[in-house]
C-alpha atoms as a PDB file:
ATOM      1  CA  MET A   1      82.336 112.346  91.246  1.00  0.00           C
ATOM      2  CA  ALA A   2      83.716 109.709  89.062  1.00  0.00           C
ATOM      3  CA  SER A   3      82.322 105.999  89.283  1.00  0.00           C
ATOM      4  CA  ALA A   4      85.830 104.486  89.952  1.00  0.00           C
ATOM      5  CA  LEU A   5      86.490 107.166  92.815  1.00  0.00           C
ATOM      6  CA  VAL A   6      83.027 106.298  94.416  1.00  0.00           C
ATOM      7  CA  GLU A   7      83.861 102.446  94.297  1.00  0.00           C
ATOM      8  CA  LEU A   8      87.281 103.039  95.821  1.00  0.00           C
ATOM      9  CA  ILE A   9      85.805 105.263  98.738  1.00  0.00           C
ATOM     10  CA  GLY A  10      83.109 102.503  99.343  1.00  0.00           C
ATOM     11  CA  ALA A  11      85.737  99.743  99.239  1.00  0.00           C
ATOM     12  CA  LEU A  12      87.951 101.774 101.797  1.00  0.00           C
ATOM     13  CA  ALA A  13      85.139 102.579 103.993  1.00  0.00           C
ATOM     14  CA  ALA A  14      83.934  98.767 104.120  1.00  0.00           C
ATOM     15  CA  ALA A  15      87.544  97.501 104.595  1.00  0.00           C
ATOM     16  CA  LEU A  16      88.080 100.073 107.582  1.00  0.00           C
ATOM     17  CA  THR A  17      84.808  99.446 109.285  1.00  0.00           C
ATOM     18  CA  THR A  18      85.423  95.733 109.064  1.00  0.00           C
ATOM     19  CA  LEU A  19      88.957  95.498 110.117  1.00  0.00           C
ATOM     20  CA  CYS A  20      88.351  98.021 113.121  1.00  0.00           C
ATOM     21  CA  TRP A  21      86.804  95.062 114.905  1.00  0.00           C
ATOM     22  CA  VAL A  22      89.716  92.732 114.362  1.00  0.00           C
ATOM     23  CA  PRO A  23      92.178  93.922 117.202  1.00  0.00           C
ATOM     24  CA  GLN A  24      89.138  94.042 119.735  1.00  0.00           C
ATOM     25  CA  ALA A  25      88.145  90.548 118.644  1.00  0.00           C
ATOM     26  CA  LEU A  26      91.689  89.267 118.979  1.00  0.00           C
ATOM     27  CA  LYS A  27      92.239  90.976 122.249  1.00  0.00           C
ATOM     28  CA  ILE A  28      89.116  89.240 123.801  1.00  0.00           C
ATOM     29  CA  ILE A  29      89.978  85.960 122.468  1.00  0.00           C
ATOM     30  CA  ARG A  30      93.487  86.100 123.717  1.00  0.00           C
ATOM     31  CA  ASP A  31      92.764  87.703 127.228  1.00  0.00           C
ATOM     32  CA  ARG A  32      89.188  86.308 127.749  1.00  0.00           C
ATOM     33  CA  GLU A  33      88.385  89.629 129.381  1.00  0.00           C
ATOM     34  CA  THR A  34      85.239  91.616 128.169  1.00  0.00           C
ATOM     35  CA  ARG A  35      84.567  93.817 131.344  1.00  0.00           C
ATOM     36  CA  ALA A  36      85.253  97.061 129.239  1.00  0.00           C
ATOM     37  CA  ILE A  37      82.961  95.985 126.406  1.00  0.00           C
ATOM     38  CA  SER A  38      79.508  97.448 126.453  1.00  0.00           C
ATOM     39  CA  LEU A  39      76.768  94.558 125.919  1.00  0.00           C
ATOM     40  CA  PRO A  40      74.081  97.026 124.593  1.00  0.00           C
ATOM     41  CA  ALA A  41      76.435  98.739 122.336  1.00  0.00           C
ATOM     42  CA  THR A  42      77.843  95.570 120.895  1.00  0.00           C
ATOM     43  CA  MET A  43      74.305  94.102 120.504  1.00  0.00           C
ATOM     44  CA  LEU A  44      73.243  97.204 118.632  1.00  0.00           C
ATOM     45  CA  SER A  45      76.298  97.075 116.433  1.00  0.00           C
ATOM     46  CA  ALA A  46      75.857  93.463 115.492  1.00  0.00           C
ATOM     47  CA  VAL A  47      72.037  93.871 114.687  1.00  0.00           C
ATOM     48  CA  GLY A  48      72.748  96.996 112.747  1.00  0.00           C
ATOM     49  CA  VAL A  49      75.513  95.116 110.658  1.00  0.00           C
ATOM     50  CA  LEU A  50      73.009  92.174 110.303  1.00  0.00           C
ATOM     51  CA  LEU A  51      70.572  94.557 108.865  1.00  0.00           C
ATOM     52  CA  TRP A  52      73.073  95.995 106.514  1.00  0.00           C
ATOM     53  CA  LEU A  53      73.708  92.391 105.473  1.00  0.00           C
ATOM     54  CA  VAL A  54      69.955  91.788 104.748  1.00  0.00           C
ATOM     55  CA  TYR A  55      69.729  95.153 102.894  1.00  0.00           C
ATOM     56  CA  GLY A  56      72.754  94.188 100.811  1.00  0.00           C
ATOM     57  CA  VAL A  57      71.216  90.793  99.894  1.00  0.00           C
ATOM     58  CA  ALA A  58      67.868  92.436  99.045  1.00  0.00           C
ATOM     59  CA  ILE A  59      69.579  94.910  96.602  1.00  0.00           C
ATOM     60  CA  ALA A  60      72.065  92.206  95.501  1.00  0.00           C
ATOM     61  CA  ASP A  61      75.188  94.400  96.178  1.00  0.00           C
ATOM     62  CA  ALA A  62      78.091  91.996  96.540  1.00  0.00           C
ATOM     63  CA  PRO A  63      80.570  94.382  98.056  1.00  0.00           C
ATOM     64  CA  LEU A  64      77.980  95.358 100.746  1.00  0.00           C
ATOM     65  CA  ILE A  65      77.197  91.539 101.338  1.00  0.00           C
ATOM     66  CA  ALA A  66      80.705  90.659 101.707  1.00  0.00           C
ATOM     67  CA  SER A  67      81.724  93.463 103.989  1.00  0.00           C
ATOM     68  CA  SER A  68      78.640  92.980 106.152  1.00  0.00           C
ATOM     69  CA  ALA A  69      78.985  89.277 106.482  1.00  0.00           C
ATOM     70  CA  ALA A  70      82.598  89.757 107.431  1.00  0.00           C
ATOM     71  CA  THR A  71      81.782  92.491 109.993  1.00  0.00           C
ATOM     72  CA  PHE A  72      78.832  90.707 111.381  1.00  0.00           C
ATOM     73  CA  ALA A  73      80.987  87.511 111.962  1.00  0.00           C
ATOM     74  CA  ILE A  74      83.473  89.418 113.924  1.00  0.00           C
ATOM     75  CA  THR A  75      80.961  91.491 115.901  1.00  0.00           C
ATOM     76  CA  ALA A  76      78.859  88.288 116.652  1.00  0.00           C
ATOM     77  CA  THR A  77      81.989  86.667 117.844  1.00  0.00           C
ATOM     78  CA  ILE A  78      82.709  89.698 120.172  1.00  0.00           C
ATOM     79  CA  LEU A  79      79.069  89.577 121.475  1.00  0.00           C
ATOM     80  CA  ALA A  80      79.071  85.797 122.115  1.00  0.00           C
ATOM     81  CA  LEU A  81      82.409  86.110 124.022  1.00  0.00           C
ATOM     82  CA  LYS A  82      80.870  89.044 126.081  1.00  0.00           C
ATOM     83  CA  VAL A  83      77.861  86.905 127.022  1.00  0.00           C
ATOM     84  CA  ARG A  84      80.091  83.942 127.833  1.00  0.00           C
ATOM     85  CA  HIS A  85      82.797  85.912 129.784  1.00  0.00           C
ATOM     86  CA  GLY A  86      80.606  88.706 131.007  1.00  0.00           C
END
């Protein structure tokens, strides 16, 4: 597979997996309602993304670092709001 295509696929995957959390975060911020959000699943997701961030730093992969940092910020916000609002 051509290198440019591989990079494009990686960039699209990173963008989609980061952006998919934005509507959820905005809804929680707006409504202050988190009953439908699973605490264990959100915790696991946040920890998983944090580990991807650590991995990205360890291998010095800037796109992985950037997408993981953004995704972690969003999932950590959702997690904090879940803990705060139940």
